[in-house]
N, C-alpha and C. Protein backbone atom coordinates (compact mmCIF):
# COMPACT_ATOMS: atom_id res chain seq x y z
N UNK A 1 12.73 -12.82 40.11
CA UNK A 1 13.04 -13.89 39.17
C UNK A 1 12.37 -13.61 37.85
N UNK A 2 13.13 -13.46 36.82
CA UNK A 2 12.61 -13.22 35.50
C UNK A 2 12.49 -14.55 34.77
N UNK A 3 11.27 -14.93 34.37
CA UNK A 3 11.06 -16.24 33.78
C UNK A 3 11.74 -16.40 32.43
N UNK A 4 12.26 -15.31 31.87
CA UNK A 4 12.93 -15.40 30.58
C UNK A 4 14.43 -15.57 30.73
N UNK A 5 14.93 -15.56 31.98
CA UNK A 5 16.36 -15.69 32.21
C UNK A 5 16.87 -17.04 31.74
N UNK A 6 17.98 -17.05 31.00
CA UNK A 6 18.56 -18.29 30.50
C UNK A 6 19.51 -18.84 31.55
N UNK A 7 19.20 -20.01 32.09
CA UNK A 7 20.03 -20.62 33.11
C UNK A 7 20.15 -22.11 32.86
N UNK A 8 21.15 -22.73 33.45
CA UNK A 8 21.37 -24.16 33.30
C UNK A 8 21.37 -24.81 34.67
N UNK A 9 20.46 -25.75 34.88
CA UNK A 9 20.31 -26.38 36.19
C UNK A 9 21.54 -27.16 36.61
N UNK A 10 22.20 -27.76 35.66
CA UNK A 10 23.34 -28.62 36.00
C UNK A 10 24.47 -27.87 36.69
N UNK A 11 24.47 -26.54 36.60
CA UNK A 11 25.51 -25.74 37.23
C UNK A 11 25.20 -25.38 38.67
N UNK A 12 24.08 -25.85 39.16
CA UNK A 12 23.65 -25.45 40.49
C UNK A 12 23.34 -26.66 41.36
N UNK A 13 23.49 -26.48 42.65
CA UNK A 13 23.14 -27.53 43.61
C UNK A 13 22.24 -26.94 44.69
N UNK A 14 21.70 -27.81 45.53
CA UNK A 14 20.93 -27.36 46.68
C UNK A 14 19.79 -26.45 46.31
N UNK A 15 19.62 -25.38 47.11
CA UNK A 15 18.52 -24.45 46.90
C UNK A 15 18.63 -23.77 45.55
N UNK A 16 19.86 -23.50 45.09
CA UNK A 16 20.02 -22.87 43.78
C UNK A 16 19.51 -23.77 42.67
N UNK A 17 19.78 -25.07 42.77
CA UNK A 17 19.26 -26.01 41.78
C UNK A 17 17.74 -25.94 41.74
N UNK A 18 17.11 -25.91 42.90
CA UNK A 18 15.65 -25.86 42.96
C UNK A 18 15.12 -24.56 42.38
N UNK A 19 15.76 -23.45 42.71
CA UNK A 19 15.32 -22.16 42.19
C UNK A 19 15.43 -22.12 40.67
N UNK A 20 16.55 -22.57 40.14
CA UNK A 20 16.74 -22.57 38.70
C UNK A 20 15.76 -23.52 38.03
N UNK A 21 15.51 -24.67 38.65
CA UNK A 21 14.54 -25.62 38.11
C UNK A 21 13.15 -25.00 38.06
N UNK A 22 12.79 -24.30 39.11
CA UNK A 22 11.48 -23.64 39.17
C UNK A 22 11.37 -22.58 38.08
N UNK A 23 12.38 -21.76 37.93
CA UNK A 23 12.37 -20.71 36.91
C UNK A 23 12.24 -21.32 35.51
N UNK A 24 13.00 -22.39 35.26
CA UNK A 24 12.92 -23.07 33.98
C UNK A 24 11.50 -23.57 33.71
N UNK A 25 10.87 -24.13 34.74
CA UNK A 25 9.55 -24.72 34.55
C UNK A 25 8.49 -23.67 34.29
N UNK A 26 8.44 -22.61 35.12
CA UNK A 26 7.37 -21.63 34.97
C UNK A 26 7.53 -20.77 33.72
N UNK A 27 8.70 -20.86 33.08
CA UNK A 27 8.88 -20.16 31.81
C UNK A 27 7.98 -20.75 30.73
N UNK A 28 7.40 -21.92 31.00
CA UNK A 28 6.53 -22.58 30.04
C UNK A 28 5.10 -22.04 30.04
N UNK A 29 4.76 -21.18 31.00
CA UNK A 29 3.43 -20.58 31.00
C UNK A 29 3.52 -19.19 31.62
N UNK A 30 2.48 -18.41 31.43
CA UNK A 30 2.49 -17.01 31.86
C UNK A 30 2.16 -16.89 33.34
N UNK A 31 3.20 -16.70 34.13
CA UNK A 31 3.04 -16.53 35.57
C UNK A 31 3.65 -15.19 35.96
N UNK A 32 2.86 -14.26 36.50
CA UNK A 32 3.42 -12.97 36.90
C UNK A 32 4.59 -13.14 37.86
N UNK A 33 5.59 -12.27 37.75
CA UNK A 33 6.81 -12.45 38.54
C UNK A 33 6.54 -12.45 40.03
N UNK A 34 5.63 -11.59 40.49
CA UNK A 34 5.36 -11.56 41.93
C UNK A 34 4.71 -12.86 42.39
N UNK A 35 3.86 -13.43 41.55
CA UNK A 35 3.23 -14.71 41.89
C UNK A 35 4.25 -15.84 41.83
N UNK A 36 5.14 -15.76 40.87
CA UNK A 36 6.24 -16.71 40.74
C UNK A 36 7.03 -16.80 42.04
N UNK A 37 7.44 -15.67 42.55
CA UNK A 37 8.21 -15.60 43.79
C UNK A 37 7.38 -16.09 44.97
N UNK A 38 6.13 -15.67 45.00
CA UNK A 38 5.25 -16.02 46.12
C UNK A 38 5.07 -17.54 46.24
N UNK A 39 4.80 -18.20 45.12
CA UNK A 39 4.55 -19.65 45.16
C UNK A 39 5.82 -20.41 45.53
N UNK A 40 6.94 -20.02 44.94
CA UNK A 40 8.20 -20.70 45.28
C UNK A 40 8.50 -20.53 46.77
N UNK A 41 8.23 -19.35 47.31
CA UNK A 41 8.46 -19.10 48.73
C UNK A 41 7.54 -19.96 49.60
N UNK A 42 6.27 -20.04 49.21
CA UNK A 42 5.32 -20.85 49.96
C UNK A 42 5.71 -22.32 49.96
N UNK A 43 6.14 -22.81 48.80
CA UNK A 43 6.59 -24.20 48.73
C UNK A 43 7.81 -24.41 49.62
N UNK A 44 8.71 -23.45 49.63
CA UNK A 44 9.89 -23.55 50.48
C UNK A 44 9.53 -23.62 51.95
N UNK A 45 8.57 -22.83 52.36
CA UNK A 45 8.12 -22.86 53.75
C UNK A 45 7.58 -24.24 54.10
N UNK A 46 6.82 -24.82 53.18
CA UNK A 46 6.24 -26.14 53.44
C UNK A 46 7.31 -27.22 53.51
N UNK A 47 8.16 -27.26 52.48
CA UNK A 47 9.13 -28.36 52.38
C UNK A 47 10.27 -28.24 53.38
N UNK A 48 10.46 -27.07 53.97
CA UNK A 48 11.53 -26.90 54.96
C UNK A 48 11.02 -26.96 56.39
N UNK A 49 9.79 -27.43 56.59
CA UNK A 49 9.29 -27.60 57.95
C UNK A 49 10.21 -28.53 58.73
N UNK A 50 10.48 -28.21 59.99
CA UNK A 50 11.47 -28.98 60.75
C UNK A 50 10.98 -30.38 61.11
N UNK A 51 9.73 -30.69 60.84
CA UNK A 51 9.22 -32.04 61.08
C UNK A 51 9.44 -32.95 59.87
N UNK A 52 9.92 -32.38 58.79
CA UNK A 52 10.13 -33.16 57.56
C UNK A 52 11.58 -33.63 57.51
N UNK A 53 11.75 -34.92 57.57
CA UNK A 53 13.09 -35.49 57.52
C UNK A 53 13.36 -36.19 56.18
N UNK A 54 12.29 -36.65 55.54
CA UNK A 54 12.44 -37.22 54.20
C UNK A 54 11.62 -36.44 53.16
N UNK A 55 10.37 -36.14 53.46
CA UNK A 55 9.48 -35.48 52.50
C UNK A 55 9.76 -33.97 52.47
N UNK A 56 10.95 -33.64 52.02
CA UNK A 56 11.41 -32.25 52.05
C UNK A 56 11.99 -31.83 50.69
N UNK A 57 12.72 -30.71 50.67
CA UNK A 57 13.31 -30.22 49.43
C UNK A 57 14.23 -31.25 48.79
N UNK A 58 14.94 -32.04 49.59
CA UNK A 58 15.86 -33.03 49.03
C UNK A 58 15.10 -34.06 48.18
N UNK A 59 13.93 -34.43 48.64
CA UNK A 59 13.10 -35.38 47.89
C UNK A 59 12.67 -34.77 46.55
N UNK A 60 12.27 -33.51 46.58
CA UNK A 60 11.86 -32.84 45.35
C UNK A 60 13.04 -32.73 44.39
N UNK A 61 14.20 -32.35 44.92
CA UNK A 61 15.40 -32.23 44.08
C UNK A 61 15.74 -33.57 43.44
N UNK A 62 15.67 -34.65 44.20
CA UNK A 62 16.00 -35.96 43.67
C UNK A 62 15.05 -36.35 42.53
N UNK A 63 13.78 -36.03 42.69
CA UNK A 63 12.82 -36.37 41.64
C UNK A 63 13.05 -35.55 40.38
N UNK A 64 13.34 -34.27 40.53
CA UNK A 64 13.60 -33.43 39.37
C UNK A 64 14.85 -33.90 38.64
N UNK A 65 15.90 -34.22 39.39
CA UNK A 65 17.12 -34.72 38.77
C UNK A 65 16.85 -36.06 38.07
N UNK A 66 16.03 -36.90 38.69
CA UNK A 66 15.69 -38.16 38.07
C UNK A 66 14.94 -37.97 36.77
N UNK A 67 14.05 -36.99 36.74
CA UNK A 67 13.31 -36.68 35.51
C UNK A 67 14.25 -36.18 34.43
N UNK A 68 15.21 -35.34 34.81
CA UNK A 68 16.19 -34.84 33.84
C UNK A 68 16.97 -35.98 33.21
N UNK A 69 17.20 -37.04 33.99
CA UNK A 69 18.02 -38.16 33.52
C UNK A 69 17.20 -39.28 32.90
N UNK A 70 15.86 -39.16 32.92
CA UNK A 70 15.03 -40.24 32.40
C UNK A 70 15.25 -40.37 30.89
N UNK A 71 15.61 -41.57 30.42
CA UNK A 71 16.05 -41.72 29.03
C UNK A 71 14.95 -41.91 28.00
N UNK A 72 13.73 -42.21 28.43
CA UNK A 72 12.68 -42.50 27.46
C UNK A 72 11.82 -41.26 27.19
N UNK A 73 11.02 -41.36 26.13
CA UNK A 73 10.20 -40.24 25.71
C UNK A 73 9.13 -39.91 26.75
N UNK A 74 8.97 -38.63 26.99
CA UNK A 74 7.93 -38.14 27.91
C UNK A 74 7.01 -37.23 27.10
N UNK A 75 5.72 -37.43 27.23
CA UNK A 75 4.76 -36.67 26.41
C UNK A 75 4.46 -35.29 26.98
N UNK A 76 4.31 -35.21 28.29
CA UNK A 76 3.89 -33.96 28.92
C UNK A 76 4.76 -33.70 30.15
N UNK A 77 5.97 -33.28 29.90
CA UNK A 77 6.93 -33.06 30.98
C UNK A 77 6.43 -32.01 31.97
N UNK A 78 5.78 -30.96 31.48
CA UNK A 78 5.34 -29.89 32.37
C UNK A 78 4.39 -30.41 33.44
N UNK A 79 3.46 -31.26 33.05
CA UNK A 79 2.53 -31.80 34.04
C UNK A 79 3.24 -32.66 35.08
N UNK A 80 4.23 -33.44 34.63
CA UNK A 80 5.01 -34.25 35.58
C UNK A 80 5.76 -33.33 36.55
N UNK A 81 6.40 -32.30 36.02
CA UNK A 81 7.17 -31.39 36.87
C UNK A 81 6.28 -30.70 37.89
N UNK A 82 5.13 -30.20 37.44
CA UNK A 82 4.22 -29.53 38.36
C UNK A 82 3.78 -30.48 39.48
N UNK A 83 3.51 -31.72 39.12
CA UNK A 83 3.10 -32.70 40.12
C UNK A 83 4.24 -32.99 41.10
N UNK A 84 5.47 -33.04 40.59
CA UNK A 84 6.62 -33.24 41.49
C UNK A 84 6.68 -32.12 42.51
N UNK A 85 6.60 -30.90 42.06
CA UNK A 85 6.73 -29.75 42.96
C UNK A 85 5.67 -29.73 44.05
N UNK A 86 4.46 -30.15 43.71
CA UNK A 86 3.34 -29.97 44.63
C UNK A 86 2.88 -31.25 45.33
N UNK A 87 3.42 -32.43 44.97
CA UNK A 87 2.79 -33.67 45.45
C UNK A 87 2.92 -33.87 46.95
N UNK A 88 3.93 -33.30 47.58
CA UNK A 88 4.07 -33.38 49.04
C UNK A 88 4.01 -31.99 49.68
N UNK A 89 3.37 -31.05 49.00
CA UNK A 89 3.31 -29.69 49.54
C UNK A 89 2.66 -29.68 50.92
N UNK A 90 1.66 -30.50 51.10
CA UNK A 90 1.03 -30.68 52.41
C UNK A 90 1.39 -32.08 52.89
N UNK A 91 2.08 -32.15 54.01
CA UNK A 91 2.47 -33.47 54.52
C UNK A 91 2.41 -33.47 56.03
N UNK A 92 1.43 -34.18 56.56
CA UNK A 92 1.27 -34.35 58.00
C UNK A 92 1.19 -35.85 58.27
N UNK A 93 2.20 -36.45 58.89
CA UNK A 93 2.18 -37.89 59.15
C UNK A 93 0.88 -38.32 59.84
N UNK A 94 0.37 -39.48 59.42
CA UNK A 94 -0.84 -40.12 59.92
C UNK A 94 -2.12 -39.58 59.28
N UNK A 95 -2.07 -38.41 58.65
CA UNK A 95 -3.25 -37.93 57.94
C UNK A 95 -3.41 -38.73 56.66
N UNK A 96 -4.65 -38.96 56.27
CA UNK A 96 -4.94 -39.74 55.07
C UNK A 96 -5.27 -38.87 53.86
N UNK A 97 -5.25 -37.54 54.06
CA UNK A 97 -5.68 -36.66 52.97
C UNK A 97 -4.57 -35.72 52.51
N UNK A 98 -3.31 -36.08 52.77
CA UNK A 98 -2.22 -35.19 52.37
C UNK A 98 -2.20 -34.92 50.87
N UNK A 99 -2.41 -35.97 50.08
CA UNK A 99 -2.35 -35.81 48.62
C UNK A 99 -3.51 -34.96 48.10
N UNK A 100 -4.70 -35.17 48.62
CA UNK A 100 -5.82 -34.36 48.16
C UNK A 100 -5.66 -32.91 48.60
N UNK A 101 -5.11 -32.69 49.77
CA UNK A 101 -4.86 -31.32 50.22
C UNK A 101 -3.75 -30.67 49.42
N UNK A 102 -2.75 -31.46 49.01
CA UNK A 102 -1.68 -30.93 48.17
C UNK A 102 -2.22 -30.57 46.79
N UNK A 103 -3.11 -31.41 46.26
CA UNK A 103 -3.74 -31.11 44.96
C UNK A 103 -4.57 -29.83 45.05
N UNK A 104 -5.27 -29.66 46.15
CA UNK A 104 -6.06 -28.45 46.36
C UNK A 104 -5.15 -27.23 46.45
N UNK A 105 -4.02 -27.37 47.13
CA UNK A 105 -3.05 -26.26 47.23
C UNK A 105 -2.54 -25.88 45.84
N UNK A 106 -2.21 -26.88 45.03
CA UNK A 106 -1.79 -26.60 43.65
C UNK A 106 -2.87 -25.83 42.91
N UNK A 107 -4.11 -26.29 43.03
CA UNK A 107 -5.23 -25.63 42.34
C UNK A 107 -5.35 -24.18 42.78
N UNK A 108 -5.25 -23.94 44.07
CA UNK A 108 -5.37 -22.58 44.60
C UNK A 108 -4.28 -21.66 44.05
N UNK A 109 -3.08 -22.21 43.87
CA UNK A 109 -1.95 -21.38 43.47
C UNK A 109 -1.85 -21.16 41.96
N UNK A 110 -2.20 -22.16 41.18
CA UNK A 110 -1.87 -22.08 39.75
C UNK A 110 -3.02 -22.28 38.78
N UNK A 111 -4.21 -22.61 39.24
CA UNK A 111 -5.30 -22.91 38.31
C UNK A 111 -5.65 -21.72 37.41
N UNK A 112 -5.39 -20.50 37.87
CA UNK A 112 -5.72 -19.31 37.08
C UNK A 112 -4.74 -19.10 35.92
N UNK A 113 -3.63 -19.82 35.93
CA UNK A 113 -2.58 -19.59 34.94
C UNK A 113 -2.37 -20.78 34.00
N UNK A 114 -3.17 -21.82 34.16
CA UNK A 114 -3.02 -23.03 33.36
C UNK A 114 -4.36 -23.41 32.72
N UNK A 115 -4.32 -24.10 31.58
CA UNK A 115 -5.57 -24.60 30.99
C UNK A 115 -6.27 -25.55 31.95
N UNK A 116 -7.58 -25.60 31.86
CA UNK A 116 -8.37 -26.45 32.75
C UNK A 116 -7.92 -27.91 32.65
N UNK A 117 -7.64 -28.35 31.41
CA UNK A 117 -7.26 -29.76 31.21
C UNK A 117 -5.96 -30.09 31.95
N UNK A 118 -4.97 -29.21 31.87
CA UNK A 118 -3.71 -29.48 32.55
C UNK A 118 -3.88 -29.40 34.06
N UNK A 119 -4.65 -28.45 34.52
CA UNK A 119 -4.89 -28.33 35.96
C UNK A 119 -5.49 -29.63 36.50
N UNK A 120 -6.49 -30.15 35.80
CA UNK A 120 -7.11 -31.39 36.24
C UNK A 120 -6.16 -32.56 36.19
N UNK A 121 -5.32 -32.61 35.14
CA UNK A 121 -4.36 -33.70 35.02
C UNK A 121 -3.36 -33.67 36.17
N UNK A 122 -2.81 -32.50 36.46
CA UNK A 122 -1.81 -32.39 37.52
C UNK A 122 -2.42 -32.76 38.87
N UNK A 123 -3.65 -32.32 39.11
CA UNK A 123 -4.30 -32.68 40.37
C UNK A 123 -4.47 -34.19 40.50
N UNK A 124 -4.84 -34.83 39.39
CA UNK A 124 -5.00 -36.29 39.43
C UNK A 124 -3.66 -36.98 39.62
N UNK A 125 -2.59 -36.42 39.04
CA UNK A 125 -1.25 -36.98 39.22
C UNK A 125 -0.83 -36.88 40.68
N UNK A 126 -1.06 -35.72 41.29
CA UNK A 126 -0.70 -35.54 42.69
C UNK A 126 -1.44 -36.55 43.57
N UNK A 127 -2.73 -36.71 43.33
CA UNK A 127 -3.51 -37.64 44.16
C UNK A 127 -3.09 -39.09 43.92
N UNK A 128 -2.57 -39.38 42.73
CA UNK A 128 -2.14 -40.75 42.43
C UNK A 128 -0.92 -41.16 43.25
N UNK A 129 -0.17 -40.20 43.79
CA UNK A 129 1.00 -40.54 44.60
C UNK A 129 0.61 -41.09 45.97
N UNK A 130 -0.68 -41.12 46.27
CA UNK A 130 -1.12 -41.69 47.55
C UNK A 130 -0.97 -43.20 47.55
N UNK A 131 -1.45 -43.87 46.50
CA UNK A 131 -1.46 -45.34 46.49
C UNK A 131 -0.54 -45.95 45.44
N UNK A 132 -0.04 -45.14 44.51
CA UNK A 132 0.85 -45.64 43.45
C UNK A 132 0.23 -46.83 42.73
N UNK A 133 -1.04 -46.71 42.41
CA UNK A 133 -1.74 -47.79 41.72
C UNK A 133 -1.27 -47.89 40.26
N UNK A 134 -1.45 -49.07 39.69
CA UNK A 134 -1.06 -49.31 38.31
C UNK A 134 -1.84 -48.40 37.37
N UNK A 135 -1.16 -47.86 36.36
CA UNK A 135 -1.80 -46.96 35.42
C UNK A 135 -1.25 -47.21 34.02
N UNK A 136 -2.05 -46.87 33.01
CA UNK A 136 -1.58 -46.98 31.64
C UNK A 136 -1.05 -45.65 31.12
N UNK A 137 -1.18 -44.60 31.93
CA UNK A 137 -0.67 -43.27 31.57
C UNK A 137 0.85 -43.29 31.71
N UNK A 138 1.56 -43.22 30.59
CA UNK A 138 3.02 -43.34 30.59
C UNK A 138 3.70 -42.25 31.41
N UNK A 139 3.20 -41.02 31.32
CA UNK A 139 3.80 -39.94 32.09
C UNK A 139 3.57 -40.13 33.58
N UNK A 140 2.39 -40.57 33.94
CA UNK A 140 2.11 -40.83 35.35
C UNK A 140 2.97 -41.98 35.87
N UNK A 141 3.22 -42.97 35.03
CA UNK A 141 4.12 -44.06 35.43
C UNK A 141 5.49 -43.51 35.81
N UNK A 142 6.00 -42.58 35.02
CA UNK A 142 7.31 -41.98 35.31
C UNK A 142 7.27 -41.25 36.65
N UNK A 143 6.23 -40.45 36.87
CA UNK A 143 6.09 -39.72 38.13
C UNK A 143 6.08 -40.66 39.32
N UNK A 144 5.28 -41.71 39.24
CA UNK A 144 5.16 -42.64 40.37
C UNK A 144 6.46 -43.39 40.61
N UNK A 145 7.14 -43.76 39.54
CA UNK A 145 8.42 -44.45 39.71
C UNK A 145 9.48 -43.53 40.30
N UNK A 146 9.49 -42.27 39.90
CA UNK A 146 10.42 -41.30 40.49
C UNK A 146 10.16 -41.16 41.98
N UNK A 147 8.90 -41.16 42.37
CA UNK A 147 8.54 -41.00 43.78
C UNK A 147 9.01 -42.18 44.61
N UNK A 148 9.10 -43.36 43.98
CA UNK A 148 9.52 -44.57 44.69
C UNK A 148 10.96 -44.95 44.42
N UNK A 149 11.68 -44.12 43.70
CA UNK A 149 13.06 -44.46 43.32
C UNK A 149 13.95 -44.73 44.53
N UNK A 150 13.66 -44.08 45.65
CA UNK A 150 14.46 -44.25 46.85
C UNK A 150 14.48 -45.71 47.31
N UNK A 151 13.45 -46.46 47.01
CA UNK A 151 13.36 -47.85 47.47
C UNK A 151 14.44 -48.73 46.84
N UNK A 152 14.91 -48.35 45.66
CA UNK A 152 15.87 -49.17 44.95
C UNK A 152 17.29 -48.66 44.99
N UNK A 153 17.58 -47.77 45.94
CA UNK A 153 18.94 -47.24 46.06
C UNK A 153 19.82 -48.19 46.88
N UNK A 154 21.07 -47.83 47.04
CA UNK A 154 22.01 -48.68 47.80
C UNK A 154 21.49 -48.91 49.22
N UNK A 155 22.00 -49.94 49.85
CA UNK A 155 21.55 -50.27 51.21
C UNK A 155 21.73 -49.11 52.18
N UNK A 156 22.86 -48.41 52.06
CA UNK A 156 23.14 -47.29 52.97
C UNK A 156 22.14 -46.15 52.76
N UNK A 157 21.88 -45.83 51.50
CA UNK A 157 20.92 -44.76 51.18
C UNK A 157 19.52 -45.16 51.65
N UNK A 158 19.16 -46.40 51.41
CA UNK A 158 17.85 -46.87 51.84
C UNK A 158 17.72 -46.83 53.35
N UNK A 159 18.74 -47.25 54.06
CA UNK A 159 18.68 -47.24 55.52
C UNK A 159 18.50 -45.83 56.05
N UNK A 160 19.17 -44.87 55.43
CA UNK A 160 19.01 -43.48 55.84
C UNK A 160 17.58 -43.01 55.59
N UNK A 161 17.03 -43.41 54.45
CA UNK A 161 15.63 -43.07 54.14
C UNK A 161 14.69 -43.67 55.19
N UNK A 162 14.89 -44.94 55.53
CA UNK A 162 14.03 -45.59 56.52
C UNK A 162 14.12 -44.89 57.87
N UNK A 163 15.31 -44.46 58.24
CA UNK A 163 15.50 -43.72 59.49
C UNK A 163 14.78 -42.38 59.45
N UNK A 164 14.84 -41.72 58.31
CA UNK A 164 14.19 -40.41 58.17
C UNK A 164 12.68 -40.54 58.27
N UNK A 165 12.14 -41.58 57.66
CA UNK A 165 10.69 -41.80 57.75
C UNK A 165 10.30 -42.06 59.21
N UNK A 166 11.09 -42.84 59.91
CA UNK A 166 10.78 -43.10 61.33
C UNK A 166 10.81 -41.81 62.13
N UNK A 167 11.75 -40.92 61.82
CA UNK A 167 11.82 -39.63 62.52
C UNK A 167 10.56 -38.80 62.28
N UNK A 168 10.01 -38.89 61.09
CA UNK A 168 8.80 -38.12 60.80
C UNK A 168 7.62 -38.62 61.62
N UNK A 169 7.68 -39.87 62.03
CA UNK A 169 6.64 -40.45 62.89
C UNK A 169 7.16 -40.61 64.31
N UNK A 170 8.05 -39.71 64.71
CA UNK A 170 8.72 -39.83 65.99
C UNK A 170 7.80 -39.88 67.19
N UNK A 171 6.63 -39.29 67.10
CA UNK A 171 5.71 -39.27 68.23
C UNK A 171 4.84 -40.52 68.30
N UNK A 172 4.99 -41.41 67.32
CA UNK A 172 4.20 -42.64 67.30
C UNK A 172 4.94 -43.73 68.07
N UNK A 173 4.28 -44.40 69.02
CA UNK A 173 4.94 -45.48 69.76
C UNK A 173 5.52 -46.53 68.82
N UNK A 174 6.61 -47.13 69.23
CA UNK A 174 7.35 -48.04 68.36
C UNK A 174 6.49 -49.21 67.86
N UNK A 175 5.70 -49.79 68.75
CA UNK A 175 4.92 -50.96 68.33
C UNK A 175 3.87 -50.59 67.29
N UNK A 176 3.31 -49.38 67.40
CA UNK A 176 2.33 -48.94 66.41
C UNK A 176 3.00 -48.60 65.08
N UNK A 177 4.18 -47.95 65.17
CA UNK A 177 4.90 -47.61 63.95
C UNK A 177 5.27 -48.88 63.19
N UNK A 178 5.81 -49.85 63.88
CA UNK A 178 6.23 -51.10 63.23
C UNK A 178 5.06 -51.79 62.56
N UNK A 179 3.91 -51.78 63.23
CA UNK A 179 2.72 -52.42 62.66
C UNK A 179 2.34 -51.74 61.34
N UNK A 180 2.28 -50.41 61.34
CA UNK A 180 1.90 -49.69 60.14
C UNK A 180 2.94 -49.79 59.04
N UNK A 181 4.21 -49.71 59.43
CA UNK A 181 5.29 -49.78 58.44
C UNK A 181 5.32 -51.14 57.77
N UNK A 182 5.09 -52.20 58.52
CA UNK A 182 5.07 -53.54 57.94
C UNK A 182 3.98 -53.66 56.88
N UNK A 183 2.83 -53.08 57.16
CA UNK A 183 1.72 -53.15 56.19
C UNK A 183 2.11 -52.46 54.88
N UNK A 184 2.75 -51.30 55.02
CA UNK A 184 3.16 -50.55 53.82
C UNK A 184 4.18 -51.35 53.02
N UNK A 185 5.20 -51.85 53.71
CA UNK A 185 6.27 -52.57 53.02
C UNK A 185 5.75 -53.85 52.37
N UNK A 186 4.91 -54.58 53.07
CA UNK A 186 4.36 -55.82 52.51
C UNK A 186 3.50 -55.54 51.29
N UNK A 187 2.82 -54.40 51.30
CA UNK A 187 1.97 -54.06 50.14
C UNK A 187 2.81 -53.89 48.88
N UNK A 188 4.04 -53.40 49.03
CA UNK A 188 4.93 -53.27 47.87
C UNK A 188 5.43 -54.64 47.41
N UNK A 189 5.81 -55.48 48.36
CA UNK A 189 6.30 -56.80 47.99
C UNK A 189 5.22 -57.66 47.35
N UNK A 190 3.97 -57.42 47.71
CA UNK A 190 2.86 -58.21 47.17
C UNK A 190 2.52 -57.83 45.73
N UNK A 191 3.05 -56.73 45.25
CA UNK A 191 2.77 -56.31 43.88
C UNK A 191 3.59 -57.15 42.89
N UNK A 192 3.03 -57.42 41.72
CA UNK A 192 3.82 -58.12 40.70
C UNK A 192 5.12 -57.38 40.39
N UNK A 193 5.03 -56.05 40.31
CA UNK A 193 6.21 -55.20 40.14
C UNK A 193 6.00 -53.94 40.96
N UNK A 194 7.09 -53.39 41.47
CA UNK A 194 7.03 -52.12 42.20
C UNK A 194 7.04 -50.96 41.22
N UNK A 195 7.88 -51.08 40.19
CA UNK A 195 8.06 -50.00 39.22
C UNK A 195 7.28 -50.28 37.95
N UNK A 196 6.67 -49.25 37.39
CA UNK A 196 5.78 -49.42 36.25
C UNK A 196 6.47 -49.20 34.90
N UNK A 197 7.63 -48.57 34.88
CA UNK A 197 8.35 -48.37 33.63
C UNK A 197 9.48 -49.39 33.52
N UNK A 198 9.80 -49.77 32.30
CA UNK A 198 10.84 -50.77 32.09
C UNK A 198 12.20 -50.28 32.58
N UNK A 199 12.47 -48.99 32.42
CA UNK A 199 13.75 -48.43 32.84
C UNK A 199 13.94 -48.60 34.34
N UNK A 200 12.95 -48.22 35.13
CA UNK A 200 13.06 -48.32 36.58
C UNK A 200 13.08 -49.77 37.04
N UNK A 201 12.29 -50.62 36.37
CA UNK A 201 12.30 -52.03 36.75
C UNK A 201 13.67 -52.65 36.55
N UNK A 202 14.27 -52.37 35.41
CA UNK A 202 15.58 -52.95 35.11
C UNK A 202 16.66 -52.45 36.07
N UNK A 203 16.57 -51.18 36.46
CA UNK A 203 17.62 -50.58 37.27
C UNK A 203 17.41 -50.75 38.78
N UNK A 204 16.14 -50.78 39.22
CA UNK A 204 15.89 -50.65 40.66
C UNK A 204 15.05 -51.76 41.29
N UNK A 205 14.30 -52.52 40.50
CA UNK A 205 13.34 -53.47 41.08
C UNK A 205 13.99 -54.47 42.03
N UNK A 206 15.03 -55.12 41.59
CA UNK A 206 15.66 -56.16 42.41
C UNK A 206 16.20 -55.60 43.72
N UNK A 207 16.89 -54.45 43.63
CA UNK A 207 17.45 -53.85 44.84
C UNK A 207 16.34 -53.37 45.77
N UNK A 208 15.26 -52.83 45.22
CA UNK A 208 14.14 -52.36 46.04
C UNK A 208 13.54 -53.50 46.84
N UNK A 209 13.33 -54.63 46.20
CA UNK A 209 12.75 -55.77 46.91
C UNK A 209 13.69 -56.28 48.00
N UNK A 210 14.97 -56.29 47.72
CA UNK A 210 15.94 -56.72 48.72
C UNK A 210 15.95 -55.76 49.91
N UNK A 211 15.93 -54.47 49.63
CA UNK A 211 15.92 -53.46 50.69
C UNK A 211 14.68 -53.60 51.57
N UNK A 212 13.53 -53.77 50.92
CA UNK A 212 12.27 -53.86 51.66
C UNK A 212 12.25 -55.12 52.53
N UNK A 213 12.71 -56.23 51.96
CA UNK A 213 12.74 -57.48 52.75
C UNK A 213 13.63 -57.34 53.98
N UNK A 214 14.77 -56.66 53.80
CA UNK A 214 15.70 -56.49 54.93
C UNK A 214 15.10 -55.58 56.00
N UNK A 215 14.39 -54.54 55.58
CA UNK A 215 13.76 -53.68 56.57
C UNK A 215 12.67 -54.43 57.32
N UNK A 216 11.91 -55.22 56.59
CA UNK A 216 10.85 -56.01 57.26
C UNK A 216 11.44 -56.94 58.30
N UNK A 217 12.55 -57.57 57.99
CA UNK A 217 13.19 -58.48 58.93
C UNK A 217 13.70 -57.76 60.18
N UNK A 218 13.99 -56.46 60.03
CA UNK A 218 14.52 -55.68 61.15
C UNK A 218 13.44 -55.12 62.07
N UNK A 219 12.17 -55.17 61.61
CA UNK A 219 11.10 -54.57 62.39
C UNK A 219 10.54 -55.53 63.43
């Protein structure tokens, strides 16, 4: 993969879309071609694990496409993109340190090729996807809203997402899963707003709350 290759993401789907997106992104900094290939391959191995039913390549693709379509000004797109690629690089259901381990994985792979300030920012962005706490950082708001965009999709899409999450916790007894899932869902409903940017609130907030309430009623 030559980072100087001129390509257009909109012409590609699936794995090709991801590959082209990756090439476009790393063209923004000096990454040796062999390392470029190595990191993309490692990410692919992680996101294509057969235990991942939702937190996989499709989730990353959806977030990147959402960022491409985001209509408002973004100050540091590269940091958002890097955080998207790495935020679920390590994902083991029931573990509480997936985000910190993903941030560490990012640091191990790319800290030698990025300024210290950006490395630290991206690591903090990745770790912020654990709790989706309120922030005044506009770029981080976009990242967090993209990560939660699935909550405000159509009922059919949301139901498929809920089923996929349950599959990822397939080894957890039903009564325990329902208990934990209810806590997560209620925590979103208890927030003044789920989405931190005006664009996402206007487009997705109402549907997200309706979807979450319906899932809670089904548990």
